[in-house]
N, C-alpha and C. Protein backbone atom coordinates (compact mmCIF):
# COMPACT_ATOMS: atom_id res chain seq x y z
N MET A 1 -102.69 120.83 -5.24
CA MET A 1 -102.39 121.80 -4.20
C MET A 1 -102.19 123.19 -4.79
N ASN A 2 -101.49 123.28 -5.91
CA ASN A 2 -101.24 124.60 -6.51
C ASN A 2 -102.53 125.30 -6.87
N GLU A 3 -103.50 124.54 -7.40
CA GLU A 3 -104.79 125.13 -7.73
C GLU A 3 -105.48 125.67 -6.50
N ARG A 4 -105.42 124.91 -5.40
CA ARG A 4 -106.04 125.35 -4.15
C ARG A 4 -105.33 126.61 -3.62
N VAL A 5 -104.01 126.64 -3.68
CA VAL A 5 -103.26 127.82 -3.22
C VAL A 5 -103.65 129.03 -4.05
N ARG A 6 -103.75 128.86 -5.36
CA ARG A 6 -104.11 129.97 -6.23
C ARG A 6 -105.49 130.53 -5.85
N ARG A 7 -106.45 129.64 -5.59
CA ARG A 7 -107.79 130.10 -5.23
C ARG A 7 -107.76 130.87 -3.91
N LEU A 8 -107.02 130.35 -2.92
CA LEU A 8 -106.96 131.01 -1.62
C LEU A 8 -106.27 132.37 -1.70
N VAL A 9 -105.18 132.44 -2.47
CA VAL A 9 -104.45 133.70 -2.58
C VAL A 9 -105.31 134.76 -3.23
N THR A 10 -105.93 134.43 -4.36
CA THR A 10 -106.75 135.41 -5.07
C THR A 10 -107.99 135.79 -4.27
N ALA A 11 -108.58 134.83 -3.55
CA ALA A 11 -109.76 135.13 -2.75
C ALA A 11 -109.46 136.09 -1.60
N ASN A 12 -108.18 136.14 -1.18
CA ASN A 12 -107.79 137.02 -0.08
C ASN A 12 -107.05 138.26 -0.57
N GLY A 13 -107.22 138.59 -1.84
CA GLY A 13 -106.67 139.84 -2.36
C GLY A 13 -105.25 139.76 -2.85
N GLY A 14 -104.66 138.58 -2.91
CA GLY A 14 -103.30 138.43 -3.41
C GLY A 14 -103.28 138.11 -4.89
N SER A 15 -102.09 137.94 -5.42
CA SER A 15 -101.94 137.58 -6.82
C SER A 15 -100.72 136.67 -6.98
N ILE A 16 -100.82 135.75 -7.91
CA ILE A 16 -99.70 134.88 -8.26
C ILE A 16 -98.92 135.55 -9.39
N VAL A 17 -97.65 135.84 -9.14
CA VAL A 17 -96.86 136.54 -10.15
C VAL A 17 -95.91 135.60 -10.89
N GLY A 18 -95.89 134.32 -10.52
CA GLY A 18 -95.04 133.38 -11.24
C GLY A 18 -95.20 131.98 -10.71
N GLU A 19 -94.94 131.01 -11.57
CA GLU A 19 -95.01 129.60 -11.20
C GLU A 19 -94.02 128.85 -12.08
N LYS A 20 -93.20 128.02 -11.47
CA LYS A 20 -92.12 127.36 -12.21
C LYS A 20 -92.01 125.91 -11.78
N TYR A 21 -91.96 125.00 -12.77
CA TYR A 21 -91.82 123.58 -12.51
C TYR A 21 -90.42 123.11 -12.91
N HIS A 22 -89.89 122.13 -12.15
CA HIS A 22 -88.56 121.59 -12.42
C HIS A 22 -88.60 120.06 -12.30
N PRO A 23 -87.68 119.38 -12.98
CA PRO A 23 -87.52 117.94 -12.71
C PRO A 23 -87.14 117.71 -11.25
N LEU A 24 -87.46 116.52 -10.74
CA LEU A 24 -87.24 116.25 -9.33
C LEU A 24 -85.77 116.33 -8.93
N ASP A 25 -84.86 116.09 -9.88
CA ASP A 25 -83.43 116.12 -9.56
C ASP A 25 -82.77 117.42 -9.96
N HIS A 26 -83.55 118.43 -10.27
CA HIS A 26 -82.99 119.72 -10.70
C HIS A 26 -82.24 120.37 -9.55
N MET A 27 -81.08 120.99 -9.84
CA MET A 27 -80.25 121.54 -8.77
C MET A 27 -79.84 123.00 -9.01
N GLU A 28 -80.09 123.56 -10.18
CA GLU A 28 -79.66 124.93 -10.49
C GLU A 28 -80.88 125.84 -10.57
N TYR A 29 -80.92 126.84 -9.72
CA TYR A 29 -82.12 127.67 -9.62
C TYR A 29 -81.84 129.16 -9.83
N ASP A 30 -80.72 129.48 -10.45
CA ASP A 30 -80.38 130.89 -10.65
C ASP A 30 -81.47 131.64 -11.41
N GLU A 31 -81.97 131.04 -12.49
CA GLU A 31 -82.98 131.70 -13.30
C GLU A 31 -84.28 131.90 -12.52
N THR A 32 -84.71 130.84 -11.80
CA THR A 32 -85.94 130.94 -11.02
C THR A 32 -85.81 131.98 -9.92
N VAL A 33 -84.68 131.98 -9.21
CA VAL A 33 -84.46 132.95 -8.14
C VAL A 33 -84.44 134.37 -8.69
N ALA A 34 -83.81 134.55 -9.86
CA ALA A 34 -83.78 135.88 -10.49
C ALA A 34 -85.19 136.35 -10.83
N ARG A 35 -86.04 135.44 -11.29
CA ARG A 35 -87.43 135.80 -11.61
C ARG A 35 -88.19 136.19 -10.35
N ILE A 36 -87.96 135.44 -9.27
CA ILE A 36 -88.62 135.75 -8.01
C ILE A 36 -88.21 137.13 -7.52
N MET A 37 -86.91 137.40 -7.56
CA MET A 37 -86.41 138.67 -7.04
C MET A 37 -86.88 139.86 -7.87
N SER A 38 -86.96 139.68 -9.18
CA SER A 38 -87.38 140.79 -10.05
C SER A 38 -88.88 140.98 -10.07
N SER A 39 -89.64 139.97 -9.64
CA SER A 39 -91.09 140.04 -9.70
C SER A 39 -91.70 140.86 -8.56
N GLY A 40 -90.93 141.07 -7.51
CA GLY A 40 -91.47 141.72 -6.33
C GLY A 40 -92.27 140.79 -5.45
N ALA A 41 -92.14 139.49 -5.67
CA ALA A 41 -92.90 138.51 -4.88
C ALA A 41 -92.58 138.66 -3.40
N GLU A 42 -93.60 138.54 -2.57
CA GLU A 42 -93.43 138.62 -1.13
C GLU A 42 -93.47 137.25 -0.47
N VAL A 43 -94.03 136.26 -1.16
CA VAL A 43 -94.19 134.92 -0.60
C VAL A 43 -93.75 133.90 -1.64
N VAL A 44 -92.99 132.89 -1.22
CA VAL A 44 -92.69 131.74 -2.06
C VAL A 44 -93.32 130.51 -1.42
N PHE A 45 -94.26 129.89 -2.13
CA PHE A 45 -94.87 128.64 -1.70
C PHE A 45 -94.16 127.51 -2.43
N ASN A 46 -93.39 126.74 -1.69
CA ASN A 46 -92.47 125.77 -2.29
C ASN A 46 -92.91 124.33 -2.06
N THR A 47 -92.88 123.53 -3.14
CA THR A 47 -93.00 122.08 -3.00
C THR A 47 -91.87 121.36 -3.72
N ILE A 48 -90.78 122.08 -4.04
CA ILE A 48 -89.57 121.42 -4.52
C ILE A 48 -89.08 120.51 -3.40
N VAL A 49 -88.72 119.28 -3.73
CA VAL A 49 -88.34 118.30 -2.73
C VAL A 49 -86.83 118.07 -2.75
N PRO A 50 -86.27 117.43 -1.70
CA PRO A 50 -84.85 117.08 -1.75
C PRO A 50 -84.56 116.17 -2.94
N PRO A 51 -83.36 116.34 -3.55
CA PRO A 51 -82.26 117.19 -3.09
C PRO A 51 -82.34 118.65 -3.52
N GLY A 52 -83.25 118.96 -4.45
CA GLY A 52 -83.27 120.29 -5.04
C GLY A 52 -83.64 121.40 -4.09
N VAL A 53 -84.40 121.11 -3.04
CA VAL A 53 -84.82 122.17 -2.15
C VAL A 53 -83.65 122.81 -1.42
N VAL A 54 -82.58 122.07 -1.19
CA VAL A 54 -81.43 122.63 -0.46
C VAL A 54 -80.77 123.75 -1.26
N PRO A 55 -80.36 123.52 -2.52
CA PRO A 55 -79.77 124.64 -3.27
C PRO A 55 -80.79 125.74 -3.58
N PHE A 56 -82.06 125.39 -3.75
CA PHE A 56 -83.05 126.43 -4.04
C PHE A 56 -83.16 127.41 -2.88
N PHE A 57 -83.31 126.89 -1.67
CA PHE A 57 -83.42 127.79 -0.52
C PHE A 57 -82.11 128.54 -0.28
N ALA A 58 -80.98 127.88 -0.53
CA ALA A 58 -79.69 128.55 -0.36
C ALA A 58 -79.55 129.72 -1.32
N GLN A 59 -79.89 129.48 -2.59
CA GLN A 59 -79.76 130.54 -3.59
C GLN A 59 -80.76 131.67 -3.33
N LEU A 60 -81.96 131.31 -2.88
CA LEU A 60 -82.96 132.33 -2.57
C LEU A 60 -82.49 133.20 -1.40
N HIS A 61 -81.93 132.56 -0.38
CA HIS A 61 -81.41 133.30 0.77
C HIS A 61 -80.25 134.19 0.36
N ASN A 62 -79.34 133.65 -0.42
CA ASN A 62 -78.17 134.43 -0.83
C ASN A 62 -78.54 135.62 -1.70
N ALA A 63 -79.67 135.52 -2.40
CA ALA A 63 -80.14 136.63 -3.23
C ALA A 63 -80.79 137.74 -2.40
N GLY A 64 -81.02 137.47 -1.11
CA GLY A 64 -81.58 138.48 -0.22
C GLY A 64 -83.09 138.46 -0.10
N PHE A 65 -83.72 137.34 -0.46
CA PHE A 65 -85.19 137.28 -0.42
C PHE A 65 -85.72 137.52 0.99
N GLN A 66 -85.18 136.80 1.98
CA GLN A 66 -85.66 137.00 3.35
C GLN A 66 -85.26 138.36 3.91
N ASP A 67 -84.08 138.85 3.51
CA ASP A 67 -83.62 140.14 4.01
C ASP A 67 -84.56 141.27 3.61
N ARG A 68 -85.23 141.11 2.48
CA ARG A 68 -86.16 142.16 2.04
C ARG A 68 -87.59 141.91 2.57
N GLY A 69 -87.72 140.92 3.45
CA GLY A 69 -89.02 140.64 4.06
C GLY A 69 -89.77 139.50 3.42
N GLY A 70 -89.14 138.75 2.52
CA GLY A 70 -89.80 137.64 1.86
C GLY A 70 -90.15 136.51 2.81
N GLN A 71 -91.25 135.83 2.53
CA GLN A 71 -91.77 134.77 3.40
C GLN A 71 -91.76 133.44 2.67
N LEU A 72 -91.22 132.40 3.33
CA LEU A 72 -91.19 131.05 2.78
C LEU A 72 -92.31 130.21 3.38
N ILE A 73 -92.94 129.40 2.53
CA ILE A 73 -93.92 128.41 2.97
C ILE A 73 -93.57 127.08 2.32
N CYS A 74 -93.46 126.04 3.12
CA CYS A 74 -93.18 124.70 2.60
C CYS A 74 -93.87 123.71 3.52
N THR A 75 -95.01 123.18 3.09
CA THR A 75 -95.87 122.44 4.00
C THR A 75 -95.25 121.15 4.51
N TYR A 76 -94.32 120.54 3.75
CA TYR A 76 -93.82 119.22 4.15
C TYR A 76 -92.59 119.30 5.05
N PHE A 77 -92.05 120.46 5.34
CA PHE A 77 -90.79 120.58 6.07
C PHE A 77 -90.96 120.11 7.51
N ASP A 78 -90.04 119.23 7.95
CA ASP A 78 -90.05 118.76 9.33
C ASP A 78 -88.69 119.02 9.97
N GLU A 79 -88.50 118.55 11.19
CA GLU A 79 -87.25 118.82 11.91
C GLU A 79 -86.04 118.18 11.26
N ASN A 80 -86.20 117.00 10.66
CA ASN A 80 -85.06 116.39 9.96
C ASN A 80 -84.61 117.26 8.79
N LEU A 81 -85.57 117.82 8.05
CA LEU A 81 -85.21 118.66 6.91
C LEU A 81 -84.61 119.98 7.34
N LEU A 82 -85.04 120.49 8.50
CA LEU A 82 -84.40 121.71 9.00
C LEU A 82 -82.91 121.52 9.17
N GLY A 83 -82.52 120.29 9.56
CA GLY A 83 -81.10 120.01 9.78
C GLY A 83 -80.27 119.96 8.52
N LEU A 84 -80.93 119.93 7.35
CA LEU A 84 -80.19 119.88 6.08
C LEU A 84 -79.65 121.25 5.67
N LEU A 85 -80.20 122.31 6.21
CA LEU A 85 -79.84 123.65 5.79
C LEU A 85 -79.40 124.49 6.97
N PRO A 86 -78.53 125.47 6.74
CA PRO A 86 -78.24 126.43 7.81
C PRO A 86 -79.52 127.13 8.23
N ALA A 87 -79.66 127.35 9.53
CA ALA A 87 -80.90 127.93 10.06
C ALA A 87 -81.32 129.22 9.36
N PRO A 88 -80.39 130.13 9.01
CA PRO A 88 -80.83 131.37 8.35
C PRO A 88 -81.51 131.15 7.01
N HIS A 89 -81.22 130.04 6.32
CA HIS A 89 -81.81 129.79 5.02
C HIS A 89 -83.31 129.51 5.11
N VAL A 90 -83.77 129.05 6.27
CA VAL A 90 -85.19 128.72 6.43
C VAL A 90 -85.82 129.46 7.61
N GLU A 91 -85.15 130.49 8.11
CA GLU A 91 -85.70 131.23 9.24
C GLU A 91 -87.06 131.82 8.86
N GLY A 92 -88.05 131.58 9.71
CA GLY A 92 -89.38 132.11 9.47
C GLY A 92 -90.25 131.27 8.56
N LEU A 93 -89.73 130.16 8.05
CA LEU A 93 -90.51 129.30 7.15
C LEU A 93 -91.72 128.73 7.86
N TYR A 94 -92.87 128.77 7.19
CA TYR A 94 -94.10 128.17 7.72
C TYR A 94 -94.30 126.79 7.11
N GLY A 95 -94.68 125.83 7.95
CA GLY A 95 -95.01 124.49 7.50
C GLY A 95 -96.34 124.06 8.09
N CYS A 96 -96.88 122.97 7.58
CA CYS A 96 -98.14 122.45 8.10
C CYS A 96 -98.10 120.93 8.04
N LEU A 97 -98.05 120.30 9.23
CA LEU A 97 -97.96 118.84 9.32
C LEU A 97 -98.85 118.33 10.44
N ASP A 98 -98.93 117.01 10.51
CA ASP A 98 -99.74 116.36 11.53
C ASP A 98 -99.03 116.23 12.87
N PHE A 99 -97.72 116.52 12.89
CA PHE A 99 -96.96 116.37 14.13
C PHE A 99 -95.71 117.22 14.06
N TYR A 100 -95.44 117.93 15.15
CA TYR A 100 -94.15 118.59 15.36
C TYR A 100 -93.67 118.19 16.76
N GLN A 101 -92.39 118.31 16.98
CA GLN A 101 -91.83 117.79 18.22
C GLN A 101 -92.26 118.56 19.46
N ASN A 102 -92.79 119.77 19.30
CA ASN A 102 -93.27 120.48 20.49
C ASN A 102 -94.79 120.42 20.64
N VAL A 103 -95.44 119.44 19.96
CA VAL A 103 -96.84 119.16 20.26
C VAL A 103 -96.93 118.77 21.73
N SER A 104 -97.93 119.29 22.43
CA SER A 104 -97.91 119.21 23.89
C SER A 104 -98.77 118.10 24.48
N ASP A 105 -99.50 117.32 23.68
CA ASP A 105 -100.35 116.30 24.30
C ASP A 105 -99.46 115.22 24.93
N PRO A 106 -99.91 114.64 26.06
CA PRO A 106 -99.06 113.71 26.82
C PRO A 106 -98.56 112.52 26.01
N PHE A 107 -99.42 111.92 25.19
CA PHE A 107 -98.99 110.74 24.44
C PHE A 107 -97.86 111.09 23.47
N SER A 108 -97.98 112.22 22.76
CA SER A 108 -96.93 112.62 21.82
C SER A 108 -95.61 112.86 22.53
N LYS A 109 -95.66 113.50 23.68
CA LYS A 109 -94.44 113.76 24.44
C LYS A 109 -93.80 112.47 24.93
N THR A 110 -94.63 111.52 25.38
CA THR A 110 -94.11 110.24 25.85
C THR A 110 -93.51 109.45 24.70
N LEU A 111 -94.19 109.43 23.55
CA LEU A 111 -93.70 108.71 22.37
C LEU A 111 -92.37 109.28 21.90
N LEU A 112 -92.27 110.60 21.83
CA LEU A 112 -91.03 111.22 21.39
C LEU A 112 -89.90 110.94 22.38
N GLY A 113 -90.20 110.98 23.67
CA GLY A 113 -89.18 110.67 24.67
C GLY A 113 -88.68 109.25 24.57
N ALA A 114 -89.59 108.30 24.33
CA ALA A 114 -89.20 106.90 24.21
C ALA A 114 -88.35 106.69 22.96
N TYR A 115 -88.71 107.36 21.86
CA TYR A 115 -87.93 107.24 20.63
C TYR A 115 -86.52 107.79 20.83
N ASP A 116 -86.43 108.99 21.41
CA ASP A 116 -85.12 109.61 21.61
C ASP A 116 -84.24 108.78 22.55
N LYS A 117 -84.86 108.11 23.51
CA LYS A 117 -84.10 107.26 24.43
C LYS A 117 -83.57 106.02 23.70
N ARG A 118 -84.38 105.47 22.81
CA ARG A 118 -83.97 104.26 22.09
C ARG A 118 -82.97 104.58 20.99
N TYR A 119 -83.13 105.74 20.33
CA TYR A 119 -82.25 106.10 19.21
C TYR A 119 -81.61 107.46 19.44
N PRO A 120 -80.77 107.58 20.46
CA PRO A 120 -80.16 108.88 20.76
C PRO A 120 -79.19 109.31 19.67
N GLY A 121 -79.31 110.57 19.28
CA GLY A 121 -78.37 111.13 18.32
C GLY A 121 -78.58 110.69 16.89
N LYS A 122 -79.64 109.92 16.61
CA LYS A 122 -79.89 109.47 15.25
C LYS A 122 -80.99 110.32 14.63
N GLU A 123 -81.52 109.85 13.49
CA GLU A 123 -82.58 110.58 12.82
C GLU A 123 -83.75 110.79 13.78
N GLN A 124 -84.37 111.94 13.67
CA GLN A 124 -85.42 112.31 14.62
C GLN A 124 -86.78 111.74 14.20
N PHE A 125 -87.64 111.56 15.20
CA PHE A 125 -89.03 111.20 14.94
C PHE A 125 -89.78 112.49 14.62
N THR A 126 -90.32 112.58 13.41
CA THR A 126 -90.90 113.84 12.95
C THR A 126 -92.25 113.59 12.26
N GLY A 127 -92.83 114.68 11.76
CA GLY A 127 -94.07 114.58 11.01
C GLY A 127 -93.87 114.12 9.59
N GLY A 128 -92.64 113.98 9.16
CA GLY A 128 -92.32 113.46 7.83
C GLY A 128 -91.37 112.30 7.98
N SER A 129 -90.56 112.09 6.95
CA SER A 129 -89.51 111.06 7.00
C SER A 129 -90.06 109.68 7.35
N ALA A 130 -91.29 109.39 6.92
CA ALA A 130 -91.93 108.09 7.17
C ALA A 130 -92.04 107.78 8.66
N CYS A 131 -92.30 108.80 9.47
CA CYS A 131 -92.39 108.61 10.93
C CYS A 131 -93.83 108.58 11.40
N SER A 132 -94.43 109.75 11.59
CA SER A 132 -95.77 109.81 12.19
C SER A 132 -96.80 109.09 11.34
N GLY A 133 -96.72 109.22 10.03
CA GLY A 133 -97.69 108.56 9.16
C GLY A 133 -97.58 107.06 9.20
N LEU A 134 -96.35 106.55 9.21
CA LEU A 134 -96.16 105.11 9.26
C LEU A 134 -96.63 104.55 10.61
N TYR A 135 -96.30 105.24 11.69
CA TYR A 135 -96.77 104.82 13.01
C TYR A 135 -98.30 104.76 13.03
N ARG A 136 -98.92 105.82 12.54
CA ARG A 136 -100.38 105.90 12.55
C ARG A 136 -100.99 104.83 11.65
N GLY A 137 -100.38 104.59 10.50
CA GLY A 137 -100.90 103.59 9.58
C GLY A 137 -100.89 102.19 10.17
N ILE A 138 -99.81 101.84 10.85
CA ILE A 138 -99.72 100.51 11.47
C ILE A 138 -100.76 100.36 12.57
N LYS A 139 -100.93 101.42 13.37
CA LYS A 139 -101.90 101.36 14.47
C LYS A 139 -103.33 101.28 13.94
N LEU A 140 -103.63 101.98 12.86
CA LEU A 140 -104.97 101.90 12.27
C LEU A 140 -105.21 100.50 11.69
N TRP A 141 -104.19 99.94 11.06
CA TRP A 141 -104.31 98.57 10.54
C TRP A 141 -104.56 97.59 11.68
N ALA A 142 -103.83 97.76 12.78
CA ALA A 142 -104.02 96.86 13.93
C ALA A 142 -105.42 96.99 14.50
N ALA A 143 -105.95 98.22 14.55
CA ALA A 143 -107.31 98.43 15.04
C ALA A 143 -108.31 97.72 14.13
N ALA A 144 -108.06 97.77 12.82
CA ALA A 144 -108.96 97.11 11.88
C ALA A 144 -108.89 95.59 12.03
N VAL A 145 -107.70 95.05 12.23
CA VAL A 145 -107.54 93.60 12.42
C VAL A 145 -108.25 93.15 13.69
N ASN A 146 -108.09 93.93 14.75
CA ASN A 146 -108.74 93.58 16.01
C ASN A 146 -110.26 93.61 15.88
N GLU A 147 -110.79 94.59 15.18
CA GLU A 147 -112.24 94.64 14.99
C GLU A 147 -112.73 93.48 14.13
N ALA A 148 -112.00 93.22 13.05
CA ALA A 148 -112.41 92.15 12.14
C ALA A 148 -112.24 90.77 12.76
N GLY A 149 -111.30 90.65 13.67
CA GLY A 149 -111.00 89.35 14.24
C GLY A 149 -110.47 88.39 13.20
N SER A 150 -109.79 88.96 12.21
CA SER A 150 -109.35 88.16 11.07
C SER A 150 -108.22 88.89 10.35
N LEU A 151 -107.38 88.10 9.65
CA LEU A 151 -106.36 88.67 8.78
C LEU A 151 -106.76 88.57 7.31
N ARG A 152 -107.98 88.12 7.04
CA ARG A 152 -108.45 88.05 5.66
C ARG A 152 -108.53 89.46 5.08
N GLN A 153 -107.99 89.63 3.90
CA GLN A 153 -107.85 90.97 3.33
C GLN A 153 -109.17 91.72 3.26
N LYS A 154 -110.22 91.08 2.75
CA LYS A 154 -111.48 91.81 2.58
C LYS A 154 -112.08 92.21 3.93
N ASP A 155 -111.87 91.40 4.96
CA ASP A 155 -112.38 91.73 6.29
C ASP A 155 -111.63 92.93 6.88
N VAL A 156 -110.31 92.93 6.71
CA VAL A 156 -109.50 94.03 7.24
C VAL A 156 -109.81 95.31 6.50
N ILE A 157 -109.97 95.23 5.18
CA ILE A 157 -110.29 96.43 4.39
C ILE A 157 -111.62 97.02 4.84
N ALA A 158 -112.61 96.17 5.06
CA ALA A 158 -113.92 96.66 5.49
C ALA A 158 -113.83 97.36 6.84
N ALA A 159 -113.06 96.81 7.76
CA ALA A 159 -112.91 97.42 9.08
C ALA A 159 -112.04 98.67 9.03
N LEU A 160 -111.04 98.65 8.16
CA LEU A 160 -110.14 99.79 8.06
C LEU A 160 -110.84 101.03 7.53
N ASP A 161 -111.92 100.85 6.78
CA ASP A 161 -112.63 101.99 6.21
C ASP A 161 -113.14 102.96 7.28
N HIS A 162 -113.34 102.47 8.51
CA HIS A 162 -113.81 103.35 9.57
C HIS A 162 -112.97 103.21 10.84
N ALA A 163 -111.76 102.68 10.71
CA ALA A 163 -110.90 102.45 11.88
C ALA A 163 -110.48 103.77 12.52
N GLY A 164 -110.21 103.71 13.83
CA GLY A 164 -109.74 104.88 14.53
C GLY A 164 -108.81 104.50 15.67
N ILE A 165 -107.98 105.46 16.09
CA ILE A 165 -107.12 105.27 17.25
C ILE A 165 -107.29 106.47 18.17
N ALA A 166 -107.31 106.20 19.46
CA ALA A 166 -107.53 107.26 20.44
C ALA A 166 -106.27 108.06 20.73
N GLU A 167 -105.10 107.44 20.48
CA GLU A 167 -103.82 108.11 20.75
C GLU A 167 -102.88 107.88 19.57
N GLY A 168 -102.08 108.89 19.30
CA GLY A 168 -101.09 108.78 18.24
C GLY A 168 -100.25 110.03 18.22
N PRO A 169 -99.20 110.08 17.40
CA PRO A 169 -98.39 111.30 17.31
C PRO A 169 -99.25 112.46 16.81
N GLY A 170 -99.34 113.49 17.60
CA GLY A 170 -100.16 114.64 17.24
C GLY A 170 -101.60 114.54 17.69
N GLY A 171 -102.02 113.37 18.19
CA GLY A 171 -103.38 113.23 18.67
C GLY A 171 -104.10 112.05 18.05
N PRO A 172 -105.38 111.90 18.31
CA PRO A 172 -106.15 110.79 17.77
C PRO A 172 -106.33 110.90 16.26
N ALA A 173 -106.78 109.80 15.66
CA ALA A 173 -106.98 109.80 14.21
C ALA A 173 -108.06 108.79 13.87
N GLU A 174 -108.74 109.02 12.76
CA GLU A 174 -109.76 108.09 12.31
C GLU A 174 -109.88 108.16 10.79
N MET A 175 -110.20 107.03 10.20
CA MET A 175 -110.43 106.98 8.77
C MET A 175 -111.75 107.67 8.44
N VAL A 176 -111.81 108.33 7.29
CA VAL A 176 -113.05 108.92 6.80
C VAL A 176 -113.71 107.89 5.90
N PRO A 177 -114.84 107.32 6.30
CA PRO A 177 -115.45 106.24 5.54
C PRO A 177 -115.67 106.59 4.07
N GLY A 178 -115.25 105.66 3.22
CA GLY A 178 -115.45 105.81 1.79
C GLY A 178 -114.48 106.72 1.08
N GLN A 179 -113.51 107.32 1.80
CA GLN A 179 -112.61 108.29 1.17
C GLN A 179 -111.14 107.86 1.13
N HIS A 180 -110.77 106.86 1.89
CA HIS A 180 -109.37 106.44 2.00
C HIS A 180 -108.48 107.57 2.53
N HIS A 181 -109.05 108.46 3.30
CA HIS A 181 -108.32 109.55 3.93
C HIS A 181 -108.41 109.41 5.45
N VAL A 182 -107.47 110.04 6.12
CA VAL A 182 -107.46 110.04 7.58
C VAL A 182 -107.80 111.43 8.10
N ARG A 183 -108.70 111.48 9.07
CA ARG A 183 -108.96 112.74 9.77
C ARG A 183 -108.05 112.77 10.99
N MET A 184 -107.20 113.79 11.05
CA MET A 184 -106.22 113.87 12.13
C MET A 184 -105.91 115.33 12.41
N ASN A 185 -105.33 115.59 13.56
CA ASN A 185 -104.95 116.95 13.91
C ASN A 185 -103.84 117.45 12.98
N MET A 186 -103.95 118.71 12.59
CA MET A 186 -102.92 119.35 11.79
C MET A 186 -102.47 120.61 12.50
N TYR A 187 -101.20 120.97 12.28
CA TYR A 187 -100.60 122.10 12.97
C TYR A 187 -99.84 122.98 11.99
N ILE A 188 -99.92 124.28 12.20
CA ILE A 188 -99.07 125.23 11.48
C ILE A 188 -97.91 125.60 12.39
N ALA A 189 -96.71 125.49 11.88
CA ALA A 189 -95.52 125.80 12.68
C ALA A 189 -94.60 126.73 11.90
N ARG A 190 -93.75 127.42 12.61
CA ARG A 190 -92.80 128.35 12.00
C ARG A 190 -91.40 128.05 12.50
N ALA A 191 -90.45 128.06 11.57
CA ALA A 191 -89.06 127.79 11.92
C ALA A 191 -88.44 129.00 12.60
N LYS A 192 -87.80 128.73 13.74
CA LYS A 192 -87.12 129.79 14.47
C LYS A 192 -85.84 129.24 15.05
N SER A 193 -84.72 129.78 14.60
CA SER A 193 -83.40 129.38 15.10
C SER A 193 -83.17 127.88 14.99
N GLY A 194 -83.60 127.30 13.88
CA GLY A 194 -83.35 125.88 13.64
C GLY A 194 -84.34 124.93 14.27
N ARG A 195 -85.44 125.44 14.83
CA ARG A 195 -86.47 124.60 15.43
C ARG A 195 -87.85 125.08 14.97
N PHE A 196 -88.84 124.20 15.06
CA PHE A 196 -90.20 124.58 14.73
C PHE A 196 -90.96 124.93 16.00
N GLU A 197 -91.70 126.02 15.93
CA GLU A 197 -92.61 126.41 17.00
C GLU A 197 -94.02 126.41 16.44
N ILE A 198 -94.93 125.71 17.10
CA ILE A 198 -96.32 125.66 16.63
C ILE A 198 -96.97 127.01 16.88
N VAL A 199 -97.58 127.55 15.83
CA VAL A 199 -98.25 128.85 15.95
C VAL A 199 -99.76 128.70 15.93
N GLU A 200 -100.26 127.56 15.44
CA GLU A 200 -101.71 127.34 15.45
C GLU A 200 -102.02 125.86 15.32
N SER A 201 -102.96 125.39 16.12
CA SER A 201 -103.49 124.04 15.99
C SER A 201 -104.79 124.12 15.20
N LEU A 202 -104.85 123.41 14.08
CA LEU A 202 -106.01 123.48 13.20
C LEU A 202 -107.09 122.47 13.57
N GLY A 203 -106.77 121.58 14.51
CA GLY A 203 -107.74 120.56 14.89
C GLY A 203 -107.80 119.44 13.87
N PRO A 204 -108.81 118.57 13.99
CA PRO A 204 -108.89 117.41 13.08
C PRO A 204 -109.30 117.80 11.67
N ILE A 205 -108.48 117.42 10.70
CA ILE A 205 -108.71 117.76 9.29
C ILE A 205 -108.52 116.51 8.46
N ALA A 206 -109.37 116.35 7.43
CA ALA A 206 -109.21 115.28 6.46
C ALA A 206 -108.79 115.89 5.13
N PRO A 207 -107.58 115.62 4.65
CA PRO A 207 -107.13 116.22 3.39
C PRO A 207 -107.94 115.70 2.22
N ASP A 208 -108.13 116.55 1.21
CA ASP A 208 -108.87 116.12 0.03
C ASP A 208 -108.11 116.35 -1.26
N GLU A 209 -106.84 116.81 -1.14
CA GLU A 209 -106.03 117.00 -2.33
C GLU A 209 -104.62 116.50 -2.05
N ALA A 210 -103.99 115.86 -3.02
CA ALA A 210 -102.64 115.34 -2.86
C ALA A 210 -101.61 116.41 -3.17
N MET A 211 -100.39 116.18 -2.66
CA MET A 211 -99.28 117.06 -2.99
C MET A 211 -98.94 116.93 -4.46
N VAL A 212 -98.41 118.01 -5.04
CA VAL A 212 -97.93 117.97 -6.40
C VAL A 212 -96.42 118.13 -6.37
N PRO A 213 -95.68 117.55 -7.33
CA PRO A 213 -94.23 117.53 -7.24
C PRO A 213 -93.57 118.81 -7.69
N SER A 214 -92.49 119.14 -7.06
CA SER A 214 -91.46 120.06 -7.49
C SER A 214 -91.94 121.32 -8.19
N VAL A 215 -92.43 122.27 -7.43
CA VAL A 215 -92.86 123.54 -8.00
C VAL A 215 -92.51 124.66 -7.05
N ALA A 216 -92.12 125.79 -7.61
CA ALA A 216 -91.97 127.01 -6.83
C ALA A 216 -93.00 128.00 -7.35
N GLU A 217 -93.87 128.47 -6.47
CA GLU A 217 -94.91 129.41 -6.85
C GLU A 217 -94.72 130.64 -5.99
N PHE A 218 -94.86 131.81 -6.58
CA PHE A 218 -94.58 133.00 -5.81
C PHE A 218 -95.62 134.08 -6.08
N GLY A 219 -95.92 134.87 -5.03
CA GLY A 219 -96.98 135.85 -5.15
C GLY A 219 -96.64 137.14 -4.45
N ARG A 220 -97.59 138.12 -4.53
CA ARG A 220 -97.30 139.46 -4.07
C ARG A 220 -97.82 139.76 -2.68
N ARG A 221 -98.60 138.86 -2.10
CA ARG A 221 -99.09 139.12 -0.75
C ARG A 221 -99.03 137.84 0.06
N PRO A 222 -98.77 137.96 1.37
CA PRO A 222 -98.78 136.76 2.21
C PRO A 222 -100.14 136.08 2.16
N ILE A 223 -100.12 134.76 2.25
CA ILE A 223 -101.36 134.01 2.27
C ILE A 223 -102.04 134.21 3.61
N ALA A 224 -103.28 134.62 3.58
CA ALA A 224 -104.01 134.89 4.82
C ALA A 224 -104.54 133.59 5.40
């Protein structure tokens, strides 16, 4: 992902002014935040994961990054993760997931309503936290079993290679034959007052690169 971000930033006239890797359990970010603030970076593209992301965003906010107009991007952030931090620490953060709670298609709204009714006040159904992906995975497996008419592993695998579902969280989904990837709707959302608002629907996309662990990358221009 970092390589792809670097290509997109430079292709759109931006520059990467720093990149820093940390162990997954790293919790002290004073040095990294100081580098970001002194570099003049305007955007931080973050893939630091919990628990480290909480102190990182806190320290970045306390240093005044957002106050000077800095922009946060963290593609994996969902509504459950928003609840881990005070809203000002992630205000304006952009994310990109297959499902957000204000997706407007009827099936997604009905599914979210049924979940909230069954589990009121508990962890939310989101685009992360093993929610939308697990739901979609089980439904795709069931579609493959139904097509194969068998539970034999090789039969299910063959059917799963092109399985699809007409309804799911965020919309329909289908396997991309030969790639072990799913083509599904993706959305760009922005955090506002502790909630995500969808700003753009990207339509059906099949990812071709995996996430990389625990990195803070920062640059001088917003990603176009």
